[in-house]
C-alpha atoms as a PDB file:
ATOM      1  CA  MET A   1      98.266 107.842 124.709  1.00  0.00           C
ATOM      2  CA  THR A   2      98.178 106.340 121.241  1.00  0.00           C
ATOM      3  CA  ASP A   3     100.183 103.592 119.599  1.00  0.00           C
ATOM      4  CA  LEU A   4     102.480 104.197 116.637  1.00  0.00           C
ATOM      5  CA  ILE A   5     102.251 101.442 114.024  1.00  0.00           C
ATOM      6  CA  LEU A   6     105.016 101.152 111.402  1.00  0.00           C
ATOM      7  CA  LEU A   7     104.732  99.249 108.115  1.00  0.00           C
ATOM      8  CA  HIS A   8     107.810  98.821 105.923  1.00  0.00           C
ATOM      9  CA  GLY A   9     108.164  99.005 102.153  1.00  0.00           C
ATOM     10  CA  GLY A  10     109.593  96.651  99.546  1.00  0.00           C
ATOM     11  CA  LYS A  11     112.655  94.464 100.314  1.00  0.00           C
ATOM     12  CA  HIS A  12     112.430  95.621 103.920  1.00  0.00           C
ATOM     13  CA  GLY A  13     111.004  94.358 107.181  1.00  0.00           C
ATOM     14  CA  SER A  14     110.332  95.602 110.692  1.00  0.00           C
ATOM     15  CA  TRP A  15     114.121  95.763 111.174  1.00  0.00           C
ATOM     16  CA  CYS A  16     114.333  98.926 109.048  1.00  0.00           C
ATOM     17  CA  TRP A  17     112.666 101.020 111.755  1.00  0.00           C
ATOM     18  CA  GLU A  18     115.280 100.187 114.421  1.00  0.00           C
ATOM     19  CA  PRO A  19     117.283 103.467 114.071  1.00  0.00           C
ATOM     20  CA  LEU A  20     114.059 105.480 114.332  1.00  0.00           C
ATOM     21  CA  ALA A  21     112.853 103.531 117.368  1.00  0.00           C
ATOM     22  CA  ARG A  22     116.204 104.032 119.131  1.00  0.00           C
ATOM     23  CA  VAL A  23     116.030 107.778 118.580  1.00  0.00           C
ATOM     24  CA  MET A  24     112.463 107.964 119.842  1.00  0.00           C
ATOM     25  CA  GLU A  25     113.251 106.010 122.977  1.00  0.00           C
ATOM     26  CA  ALA A  26     116.306 108.175 123.681  1.00  0.00           C
ATOM     27  CA  GLN A  27     114.303 111.385 123.277  1.00  0.00           C
ATOM     28  CA  GLY A  28     111.385 110.262 125.426  1.00  0.00           C
ATOM     29  CA  ASN A  29     108.901 108.326 123.310  1.00  0.00           C
ATOM     30  CA  PRO A  30     105.456 110.005 123.548  1.00  0.00           C
ATOM     31  CA  PHE A  31     103.591 106.985 122.132  1.00  0.00           C
ATOM     32  CA  ALA A  32     102.111 104.250 124.280  1.00  0.00           C
ATOM     33  CA  ARG A  33     103.773 101.623 122.091  1.00  0.00           C
ATOM     34  CA  ILE A  34     105.758 101.449 118.868  1.00  0.00           C
ATOM     35  CA  ILE A  35     104.653  98.387 116.905  1.00  0.00           C
ATOM     36  CA  ALA A  36     106.566  97.498 113.733  1.00  0.00           C
ATOM     37  CA  LEU A  37     104.690  95.091 111.458  1.00  0.00           C
ATOM     38  CA  ASP A  38     106.060  92.595 108.952  1.00  0.00           C
ATOM     39  CA  MET A  39     104.493  91.628 105.656  1.00  0.00           C
ATOM     40  CA  PRO A  40     104.597  87.855 105.009  1.00  0.00           C
ATOM     41  CA  GLY A  41     108.068  86.900 103.764  1.00  0.00           C
ATOM     42  CA  CYS A  42     109.766  89.847 105.456  1.00  0.00           C
ATOM     43  CA  GLY A  43     111.512  90.528 108.758  1.00  0.00           C
ATOM     44  CA  ARG A  44     110.275  88.163 111.444  1.00  0.00           C
ATOM     45  CA  LYS A  45     108.206  86.339 108.798  1.00  0.00           C
ATOM     46  CA  ARG A  46     111.065  85.464 106.451  1.00  0.00           C
ATOM     47  CA  ASP A  47     110.157  81.793 106.768  1.00  0.00           C
ATOM     48  CA  ARG A  48     106.782  82.490 105.098  1.00  0.00           C
ATOM     49  CA  ASP A  49     106.192  82.094 101.368  1.00  0.00           C
ATOM     50  CA  PRO A  50     104.266  85.206 100.237  1.00  0.00           C
ATOM     51  CA  GLU A  51     103.427  83.793  96.788  1.00  0.00           C
ATOM     52  CA  GLY A  52      99.702  83.613  96.155  1.00  0.00           C
ATOM     53  CA  LEU A  53      98.719  86.096  98.869  1.00  0.00           C
ATOM     54  CA  SER A  54      96.465  88.938  97.756  1.00  0.00           C
ATOM     55  CA  LEU A  55      96.617  92.489  99.042  1.00  0.00           C
ATOM     56  CA  ALA A  56      93.386  91.817 100.914  1.00  0.00           C
ATOM     57  CA  ASN A  57      94.948  88.726 102.541  1.00  0.00           C
ATOM     58  CA  ILE A  58      97.909  90.793 103.725  1.00  0.00           C
ATOM     59  CA  ALA A  59      95.794  93.697 104.990  1.00  0.00           C
ATOM     60  CA  ARG A  60      93.576  91.320 107.000  1.00  0.00           C
ATOM     61  CA  GLU A  61      96.602  89.541 108.476  1.00  0.00           C
ATOM     62  CA  LEU A  62      98.245  92.769 109.598  1.00  0.00           C
ATOM     63  CA  ASN A  63      95.025  94.120 111.071  1.00  0.00           C
ATOM     64  CA  GLY A  64      94.484  90.819 112.825  1.00  0.00           C
ATOM     65  CA  GLU A  65      97.824  91.226 114.565  1.00  0.00           C
ATOM     66  CA  LEU A  66      96.822  94.705 115.688  1.00  0.00           C
ATOM     67  CA  ARG A  67      93.468  93.491 116.991  1.00  0.00           C
ATOM     68  CA  ALA A  68      95.266  90.748 118.915  1.00  0.00           C
ATOM     69  CA  ALA A  69      97.455  93.465 120.462  1.00  0.00           C
ATOM     70  CA  GLN A  70      94.291  95.403 121.428  1.00  0.00           C
ATOM     71  CA  VAL A  71      95.205  98.389 119.298  1.00  0.00           C
ATOM     72  CA  ARG A  72      92.653 101.170 118.902  1.00  0.00           C
ATOM     73  CA  ASP A  73      92.868 104.666 117.355  1.00  0.00           C
ATOM     74  CA  ALA A  74      96.543 104.266 116.491  1.00  0.00           C
ATOM     75  CA  VAL A  75      98.690 106.273 114.089  1.00  0.00           C
ATOM     76  CA  LEU A  76      99.622 104.055 111.135  1.00  0.00           C
ATOM     77  CA  VAL A  77     102.782 104.936 109.180  1.00  0.00           C
ATOM     78  CA  GLY A  78     103.570 103.219 105.876  1.00  0.00           C
ATOM     79  CA  HIS A  79     106.666 103.539 103.704  1.00  0.00           C
ATOM     80  CA  SER A  80     107.041 103.171  99.913  1.00  0.00           C
ATOM     81  CA  ILE A  81     104.978 100.226  98.590  1.00  0.00           C
ATOM     82  CA  ALA A  82     103.011 100.149 101.848  1.00  0.00           C
ATOM     83  CA  GLY A  83     100.956 102.881 100.191  1.00  0.00           C
ATOM     84  CA  VAL A  84      98.869 100.184  98.494  1.00  0.00           C
ATOM     85  CA  LEU A  85      98.051  98.544 101.845  1.00  0.00           C
ATOM     86  CA  LEU A  86      97.298 101.444 104.193  1.00  0.00           C
ATOM     87  CA  PRO A  87      93.950 102.403 102.582  1.00  0.00           C
ATOM     88  CA  MET A  88      92.854  98.756 102.574  1.00  0.00           C
ATOM     89  CA  MET A  89      93.802  98.340 106.235  1.00  0.00           C
ATOM     90  CA  ALA A  90      91.853 101.472 107.161  1.00  0.00           C
ATOM     91  CA  VAL A  91      88.740 100.326 105.296  1.00  0.00           C
ATOM     92  CA  GLU A  92      88.951  96.778 106.689  1.00  0.00           C
ATOM     93  CA  ASP A  93      88.895  98.018 110.308  1.00  0.00           C
ATOM     94  CA  PRO A  94      88.617 101.809 110.768  1.00  0.00           C
ATOM     95  CA  ALA A  95      88.509 101.512 114.574  1.00  0.00           C
ATOM     96  CA  LEU A  96      92.176 100.524 114.610  1.00  0.00           C
ATOM     97  CA  PHE A  97      93.430 103.890 113.338  1.00  0.00           C
ATOM     98  CA  SER A  98      93.004 107.594 114.036  1.00  0.00           C
ATOM     99  CA  ARG A  99      95.442 108.870 111.383  1.00  0.00           C
ATOM    100  CA  LEU A 100      97.378 107.477 108.444  1.00  0.00           C
ATOM    101  CA  ILE A 101     100.838 108.815 107.612  1.00  0.00           C
ATOM    102  CA  TYR A 102     102.135 108.031 104.146  1.00  0.00           C
ATOM    103  CA  LEU A 103     105.933 108.258 104.135  1.00  0.00           C
ATOM    104  CA  THR A 104     106.985 108.694 100.485  1.00  0.00           C
ATOM    105  CA  THR A 105     104.540 105.974  99.466  1.00  0.00           C
ATOM    106  CA  SER A 106     103.705 104.676  96.003  1.00  0.00           C
ATOM    107  CA  VAL A 107     100.097 105.343  95.017  1.00  0.00           C
ATOM    108  CA  PRO A 108      98.985 103.933  91.646  1.00  0.00           C
ATOM    109  CA  VAL A 109      95.698 105.083  90.152  1.00  0.00           C
ATOM    110  CA  GLU A 110      92.721 102.829  90.831  1.00  0.00           C
ATOM    111  CA  GLY A 111      93.126  99.531  88.993  1.00  0.00           C
ATOM    112  CA  GLN A 112      96.829 100.067  88.213  1.00  0.00           C
ATOM    113  CA  THR A 113      99.745  98.068  89.612  1.00  0.00           C
ATOM    114  CA  ILE A 114     102.892  99.538  91.108  1.00  0.00           C
ATOM    115  CA  THR A 115     104.861  97.877  88.302  1.00  0.00           C
ATOM    116  CA  GLN A 116     102.749  99.683  85.709  1.00  0.00           C
ATOM    117  CA  MET A 117     103.012 102.958  87.598  1.00  0.00           C
ATOM    118  CA  MET A 118     106.813 102.749  87.747  1.00  0.00           C
ATOM    119  CA  GLY A 119     107.223 101.637  84.114  1.00  0.00           C
ATOM    120  CA  THR A 120     110.605 100.915  82.573  1.00  0.00           C
ATOM    121  CA  SER A 121     111.753 104.351  81.384  1.00  0.00           C
ATOM    122  CA  ARG A 122     114.272 106.744  82.900  1.00  0.00           C
ATOM    123  CA  GLN A 123     112.737 109.344  85.184  1.00  0.00           C
ATOM    124  CA  GLY A 124     111.369 112.352  83.315  1.00  0.00           C
ATOM    125  CA  THR A 125     111.204 110.724  79.878  1.00  0.00           C
ATOM    126  CA  ASN A 126     107.624 109.420  80.038  1.00  0.00           C
ATOM    127  CA  PRO A 127     105.029 111.650  81.742  1.00  0.00           C
ATOM    128  CA  ASP A 128     102.802 108.642  82.440  1.00  0.00           C
ATOM    129  CA  GLU A 129     105.485 106.676  84.317  1.00  0.00           C
ATOM    130  CA  VAL A 130     107.413 107.447  87.480  1.00  0.00           C
ATOM    131  CA  GLY A 131     110.472 105.923  85.822  1.00  0.00           C
ATOM    132  CA  TRP A 132     113.818 104.961  87.333  1.00  0.00           C
ATOM    133  CA  PRO A 133     116.999 106.842  88.287  1.00  0.00           C
ATOM    134  CA  VAL A 134     119.129 104.301  86.398  1.00  0.00           C
ATOM    135  CA  ASP A 135     118.895 102.481  83.071  1.00  0.00           C
ATOM    136  CA  LEU A 136     117.258  99.154  83.907  1.00  0.00           C
ATOM    137  CA  ALA A 137     118.877  97.496  80.903  1.00  0.00           C
ATOM    138  CA  THR A 138     122.459  98.291  81.903  1.00  0.00           C
ATOM    139  CA  ALA A 139     122.500  99.114  85.645  1.00  0.00           C
ATOM    140  CA  SER A 140     124.185  96.646  87.972  1.00  0.00           C
ATOM    141  CA  LEU A 141     122.567  95.445  91.189  1.00  0.00           C
ATOM    142  CA  GLU A 142     125.019  97.680  93.075  1.00  0.00           C
ATOM    143  CA  ASP A 143     123.974 100.694  91.000  1.00  0.00           C
ATOM    144  CA  MET A 144     120.296  99.986  91.601  1.00  0.00           C
ATOM    145  CA  SER A 145     120.808  99.434  95.320  1.00  0.00           C
ATOM    146  CA  ARG A 146     122.763 102.665  95.672  1.00  0.00           C
ATOM    147  CA  ALA A 147     120.049 104.546  93.807  1.00  0.00           C
ATOM    148  CA  MET A 148     117.242 103.030  95.857  1.00  0.00           C
ATOM    149  CA  PHE A 149     118.721 102.923  99.346  1.00  0.00           C
ATOM    150  CA  GLY A 150     122.204 104.413  99.507  1.00  0.00           C
ATOM    151  CA  ARG A 151     121.990 108.183  99.545  1.00  0.00           C
ATOM    152  CA  ASP A 152     123.232 109.804 102.786  1.00  0.00           C
ATOM    153  CA  LEU A 153     124.242 106.450 104.292  1.00  0.00           C
ATOM    154  CA  ASP A 154     127.781 105.709 105.374  1.00  0.00           C
ATOM    155  CA  ASP A 155     129.435 102.433 104.396  1.00  0.00           C
ATOM    156  CA  LYS A 156     128.463 100.693 107.642  1.00  0.00           C
ATOM    157  CA  GLN A 157     124.819 101.721 107.364  1.00  0.00           C
ATOM    158  CA  PHE A 158     124.662 100.733 103.701  1.00  0.00           C
ATOM    159  CA  ALA A 159     126.250  97.329 104.335  1.00  0.00           C
ATOM    160  CA  TRP A 160     123.787  96.651 107.178  1.00  0.00           C
ATOM    161  CA  LEU A 161     120.869  97.655 104.973  1.00  0.00           C
ATOM    162  CA  LEU A 162     121.913  95.431 102.060  1.00  0.00           C
ATOM    163  CA  THR A 163     122.495  92.450 104.357  1.00  0.00           C
ATOM    164  CA  GLU A 164     118.942  92.733 105.644  1.00  0.00           C
ATOM    165  CA  VAL A 165     117.384  93.564 102.255  1.00  0.00           C
ATOM    166  CA  ALA A 166     118.847  90.406 100.723  1.00  0.00           C
ATOM    167  CA  GLN A 167     116.880  88.243 103.173  1.00  0.00           C
ATOM    168  CA  ASP A 168     113.394  89.681 102.639  1.00  0.00           C
ATOM    169  CA  LYS A 169     110.828  88.341 100.146  1.00  0.00           C
ATOM    170  CA  THR A 170     108.304  91.080  99.443  1.00  0.00           C
ATOM    171  CA  PRO A 171     104.815  89.738  98.637  1.00  0.00           C
ATOM    172  CA  PRO A 172     104.448  89.839  94.826  1.00  0.00           C
ATOM    173  CA  ALA A 173     100.910  91.209  95.153  1.00  0.00           C
ATOM    174  CA  THR A 174     102.293  94.543  96.340  1.00  0.00           C
ATOM    175  CA  GLN A 175     103.900  95.031  92.932  1.00  0.00           C
ATOM    176  CA  PHE A 176     101.705  93.089  90.520  1.00  0.00           C
ATOM    177  CA  GLU A 177      98.128  93.248  91.824  1.00  0.00           C
ATOM    178  CA  PRO A 178      95.918  96.125  90.599  1.00  0.00           C
ATOM    179  CA  VAL A 179      95.168  98.354  93.554  1.00  0.00           C
ATOM    180  CA  SER A 180      91.751  99.147  94.953  1.00  0.00           C
ATOM    181  CA  ARG A 181      90.924 101.924  97.391  1.00  0.00           C
ATOM    182  CA  SER A 182      87.206 101.174  97.387  1.00  0.00           C
ATOM    183  CA  GLY A 183      85.560 102.832 100.385  1.00  0.00           C
ATOM    184  CA  TYR A 184      88.657 104.779 101.363  1.00  0.00           C
ATOM    185  CA  VAL A 185      87.552 108.285 100.370  1.00  0.00           C
ATOM    186  CA  GLU A 186      84.147 107.772 101.982  1.00  0.00           C
ATOM    187  CA  LEU A 187      85.888 106.780 105.205  1.00  0.00           C
ATOM    188  CA  GLY A 188      87.226 110.315 105.615  1.00  0.00           C
ATOM    189  CA  MET A 189      90.122 109.259 107.825  1.00  0.00           C
ATOM    190  CA  LYS A 190      92.751 111.889 108.627  1.00  0.00           C
ATOM    191  CA  ALA A 191      95.814 111.392 106.449  1.00  0.00           C
ATOM    192  CA  THR A 192      99.221 113.043 106.104  1.00  0.00           C
ATOM    193  CA  TYR A 193     101.710 112.567 103.283  1.00  0.00           C
ATOM    194  CA  ILE A 194     105.419 113.097 104.067  1.00  0.00           C
ATOM    195  CA  VAL A 195     107.291 114.184 100.941  1.00  0.00           C
ATOM    196  CA  THR A 196     111.011 113.378 100.908  1.00  0.00           C
ATOM    197  CA  LEU A 197     112.617 116.109  98.836  1.00  0.00           C
ATOM    198  CA  ARG A 198     115.818 114.287  97.810  1.00  0.00           C
ATOM    199  CA  ASP A 199     114.164 111.002  96.908  1.00  0.00           C
ATOM    200  CA  ASP A 200     115.868 109.150  94.046  1.00  0.00           C
ATOM    201  CA  ILE A 201     113.071 106.593  93.578  1.00  0.00           C
ATOM    202  CA  LEU A 202     109.868 108.623  93.925  1.00  0.00           C
ATOM    203  CA  PRO A 203     110.480 112.182  92.677  1.00  0.00           C
ATOM    204  CA  PRO A 204     108.829 114.871  94.836  1.00  0.00           C
ATOM    205  CA  ALA A 205     106.505 115.944  92.005  1.00  0.00           C
ATOM    206  CA  TRP A 206     105.102 112.414  91.900  1.00  0.00           C
ATOM    207  CA  GLN A 207     104.843 112.264  95.684  1.00  0.00           C
ATOM    208  CA  ARG A 208     102.708 115.416  95.668  1.00  0.00           C
ATOM    209  CA  ARG A 209     100.505 113.793  93.022  1.00  0.00           C
ATOM    210  CA  PHE A 210     100.193 110.729  95.248  1.00  0.00           C
ATOM    211  CA  ALA A 211      99.128 112.895  98.194  1.00  0.00           C
ATOM    212  CA  GLU A 212      96.269 114.249  96.078  1.00  0.00           C
ATOM    213  CA  ARG A 213      95.187 110.735  95.081  1.00  0.00           C
ATOM    214  CA  LEU A 214      94.967 109.859  98.772  1.00  0.00           C
ATOM    215  CA  ASN A 215      92.935 112.953  99.700  1.00  0.00           C
ATOM    216  CA  CYS A 216      95.518 113.839 102.355  1.00  0.00           C
ATOM    217  CA  ASP A 217      94.395 116.705 104.549  1.00  0.00           C
ATOM    218  CA  ASN A 218      98.004 117.523 105.403  1.00  0.00           C
ATOM    219  CA  LYS A 219     101.310 117.412 103.529  1.00  0.00           C
ATOM    220  CA  VAL A 220     104.771 117.753 105.135  1.00  0.00           C
ATOM    221  CA  GLU A 221     108.054 118.073 103.256  1.00  0.00           C
ATOM    222  CA  ILE A 222     111.398 116.981 104.704  1.00  0.00           C
ATOM    223  CA  ASP A 223     114.863 117.340 103.179  1.00  0.00           C
ATOM    224  CA  THR A 224     115.824 113.657 103.052  1.00  0.00           C
ATOM    225  CA  PRO A 225     116.197 110.776 100.589  1.00  0.00           C
ATOM    226  CA  HIS A 226     113.862 107.767 100.373  1.00  0.00           C
ATOM    227  CA  GLU A 227     114.974 106.055 103.620  1.00  0.00           C
ATOM    228  CA  PRO A 228     114.813 108.746 106.343  1.00  0.00           C
ATOM    229  CA  PHE A 229     114.290 106.164 109.107  1.00  0.00           C
ATOM    230  CA  VAL A 230     117.940 105.190 108.514  1.00  0.00           C
ATOM    231  CA  SER A 231     119.523 108.329 107.071  1.00  0.00           C
ATOM    232  CA  HIS A 232     117.739 110.970 109.189  1.00  0.00           C
ATOM    233  CA  PRO A 233     115.958 109.224 112.083  1.00  0.00           C
ATOM    234  CA  GLN A 234     115.928 112.293 114.348  1.00  0.00           C
ATOM    235  CA  LEU A 235     114.252 114.462 111.730  1.00  0.00           C
ATOM    236  CA  LEU A 236     111.730 111.758 110.933  1.00  0.00           C
ATOM    237  CA  ALA A 237     111.003 111.176 114.625  1.00  0.00           C
ATOM    238  CA  SER A 238     110.253 114.854 115.249  1.00  0.00           C
ATOM    239  CA  THR A 239     108.120 114.992 112.079  1.00  0.00           C
ATOM    240  CA  LEU A 240     106.061 111.955 113.073  1.00  0.00           C
ATOM    241  CA  ILE A 241     105.538 113.238 116.605  1.00  0.00           C
ATOM    242  CA  ALA A 242     104.486 116.694 115.397  1.00  0.00           C
ATOM    243  CA  THR A 243     102.106 115.168 112.860  1.00  0.00           C
ATOM    244  CA  ALA A 244     100.593 112.597 115.197  1.00  0.00           C
ATOM    245  CA  PHE A 245      99.874 115.087 117.972  1.00  0.00           C
ATOM    246  CA  ALA A 246      98.937 118.131 115.885  1.00  0.00           C
END
């Protein structure tokens, strides 16, 4: 049996995977363990100051935790901005992982930052930027939060999500450090990209482009918004299981 490793995206922590983990346990979890990681400043590490940490620092720390847990040949799932860390984690210690699963992850070109990739324009107005679903100059925090996290969530789910999001400090390097995937293609690790078809933050056309940048040998499309671990945990669970054991 293999372990399932989960790495959250921006303004999230290990807490975000709780609905998915509950569904998996209820359905008969086929993985040896489900291990949800936290970037410094997030989740169980909210007392940490992530300022000054590089992407390499973070990747080594996360892999160190997995080595301490005696992980080998696990399936590593990353969401959203975790797309900049998964290739680095795989290169730093390939023995830890047997497959990478990119769940609607951001994938800048080599040497670009996520901030540069996203840009400041509205989606569809600049072909070189992913853009945003709202006008950054006029949108309220509520508008932005709804656009990023709120689709398909009821009021209770959305309130829970925002309460948790407000407490996490995402490492600035994930947004502002130019990415490097040096050695990743040569590694030849199996990789799947899960495209979320109703994603308000990363449009599906961009997600498919990201899958190509990552040399994914498999691409799966699911009819969900950006946060399927909360909005559609059963669908995501079945997708992860089918992908991991294909």
